[in-house]
Amino acid sequence: LRTMVVAHPSILGYSVDANLLPTLRFLQEELGLSDGDLRERVVKQSSLLTYSLAKRYRPRLAACRAAGVDERVVLSRIAQSNERFYRSIGVPLPSAPLSA
């Protein structure tokens, strides 16, 4: 926990019910992470908790599914810019602006 807070102090200000739990549920339910996988990934890459479900995770997961790309690419490339991410999976950048 200390490592996560030092790396991303903004996590302390996140609502557990409105931000953290929905993100953790999404990672488990939509990407099929087990409790152990989820714990390991969040400890290694605490920034996973800082990205928006609506603006980052959900659009990218939908793009991966539409393109037939492994859904876990969302996790491994979460820090990439939108342009780079969509190009990497061979999908045009959506016309509606997305937040980085």
Protein backbone atom coordinates (compact mmCIF):
# COMPACT_ATOMS: atom_id res chain seq x y z
CA LEU A 1 0.00 0.00 0.00
CA ARG A 2 2.83 2.38 0.85
CA THR A 3 4.44 1.88 -2.55
CA MET A 4 1.15 2.58 -4.30
CA VAL A 5 0.52 5.77 -2.33
CA VAL A 6 4.06 7.04 -2.83
CA ALA A 7 3.85 6.40 -6.57
CA HIS A 8 0.30 7.77 -6.94
CA PRO A 9 -0.69 9.93 -3.95
CA SER A 10 -3.90 10.95 -5.72
CA ILE A 11 -5.24 7.45 -4.93
CA LEU A 12 -5.82 8.64 -1.37
CA GLY A 13 -8.43 11.08 -2.64
CA TYR A 14 -10.34 8.53 -4.71
CA SER A 15 -13.73 7.39 -3.54
CA VAL A 16 -13.68 3.69 -2.72
CA ASP A 17 -17.30 3.23 -3.81
CA ALA A 18 -17.28 5.51 -6.86
CA ASN A 19 -13.77 4.88 -8.20
CA LEU A 20 -11.69 2.08 -6.74
CA LEU A 21 -14.26 -0.71 -6.36
CA PRO A 22 -15.78 -0.20 -9.83
CA THR A 23 -12.29 -0.28 -11.37
CA LEU A 24 -11.32 -3.42 -9.47
CA ARG A 25 -14.63 -5.09 -10.39
CA PHE A 26 -14.13 -4.16 -14.04
CA LEU A 27 -10.64 -5.65 -14.08
CA GLN A 28 -11.92 -8.89 -12.60
CA GLU A 29 -15.23 -9.26 -14.38
CA GLU A 30 -14.47 -7.84 -17.82
CA LEU A 31 -10.84 -8.92 -18.13
CA GLY A 32 -11.18 -12.15 -16.16
CA LEU A 33 -8.51 -11.48 -13.56
CA SER A 34 -8.50 -13.75 -10.54
CA ASP A 35 -8.04 -12.28 -7.07
CA GLY A 36 -4.36 -13.22 -7.17
CA ASP A 37 -3.81 -11.83 -10.68
CA LEU A 38 -5.55 -8.60 -9.76
CA ARG A 39 -3.53 -8.16 -6.58
CA GLU A 40 -0.26 -8.87 -8.38
CA ARG A 41 -0.99 -6.44 -11.22
CA VAL A 42 -2.15 -3.61 -8.95
CA VAL A 43 0.87 -3.99 -6.68
CA LYS A 44 3.23 -3.97 -9.69
CA GLN A 45 1.37 -1.24 -11.58
CA SER A 46 -0.67 0.86 -9.16
CA SER A 47 -1.39 3.31 -11.96
CA LEU A 48 -4.06 0.82 -13.10
CA LEU A 49 -6.28 2.36 -10.44
CA THR A 50 -5.83 5.88 -11.78
CA TYR A 51 -7.35 5.48 -15.25
CA SER A 52 -10.98 6.30 -16.00
CA LEU A 53 -13.38 3.45 -16.69
CA ALA A 54 -15.49 5.61 -19.01
CA LYS A 55 -12.70 7.37 -20.85
CA ARG A 56 -9.92 4.79 -20.93
CA TYR A 57 -10.82 1.21 -20.00
CA ARG A 58 -14.27 0.72 -21.53
CA PRO A 59 -13.54 2.31 -24.95
CA ARG A 60 -10.30 0.39 -25.28
CA LEU A 61 -11.90 -2.90 -24.29
CA ALA A 62 -14.67 -2.34 -26.83
CA ALA A 63 -12.06 -1.60 -29.52
CA CYS A 64 -10.12 -4.78 -28.67
CA ARG A 65 -13.26 -6.87 -28.81
CA ALA A 66 -14.34 -5.34 -32.12
CA ALA A 67 -10.89 -5.95 -33.60
CA GLY A 68 -10.61 -9.48 -32.24
CA VAL A 69 -7.55 -8.52 -30.19
CA ASP A 70 -6.76 -10.16 -26.84
CA GLU A 71 -8.61 -8.14 -24.21
CA ARG A 72 -5.68 -8.10 -21.82
CA VAL A 73 -3.90 -5.78 -24.23
CA VAL A 74 -5.94 -3.11 -22.46
CA LEU A 75 -3.81 -3.69 -19.36
CA SER A 76 -0.43 -4.05 -21.00
CA ARG A 77 -0.90 -0.88 -23.06
CA ILE A 78 -2.98 1.22 -20.68
CA ALA A 79 -0.34 3.94 -20.37
CA GLN A 80 -0.08 4.47 -24.14
CA SER A 81 -1.62 7.54 -25.70
CA ASN A 82 -4.94 6.94 -27.43
CA GLU A 83 -3.33 7.41 -30.84
CA ARG A 84 -0.63 4.86 -30.15
CA PHE A 85 -2.99 2.36 -28.53
CA TYR A 86 -5.53 2.35 -31.35
CA ARG A 87 -2.80 2.21 -33.99
CA SER A 88 -1.18 -0.74 -32.16
CA ILE A 89 -4.38 -2.80 -32.40
CA GLY A 90 -5.03 -1.77 -35.99
CA VAL A 91 -8.15 0.27 -35.30
CA PRO A 92 -8.74 3.89 -36.31
CA LEU A 93 -8.83 6.40 -33.50
CA PRO A 94 -12.49 7.06 -32.64
CA SER A 95 -13.78 10.36 -34.00
CA ALA A 96 -15.19 11.45 -30.64
CA PRO A 97 -12.41 12.99 -28.55
CA LEU A 98 -11.12 10.76 -25.79
CA SER A 99 -9.40 11.95 -22.66
CA ALA A 100 -5.84 10.76 -22.14
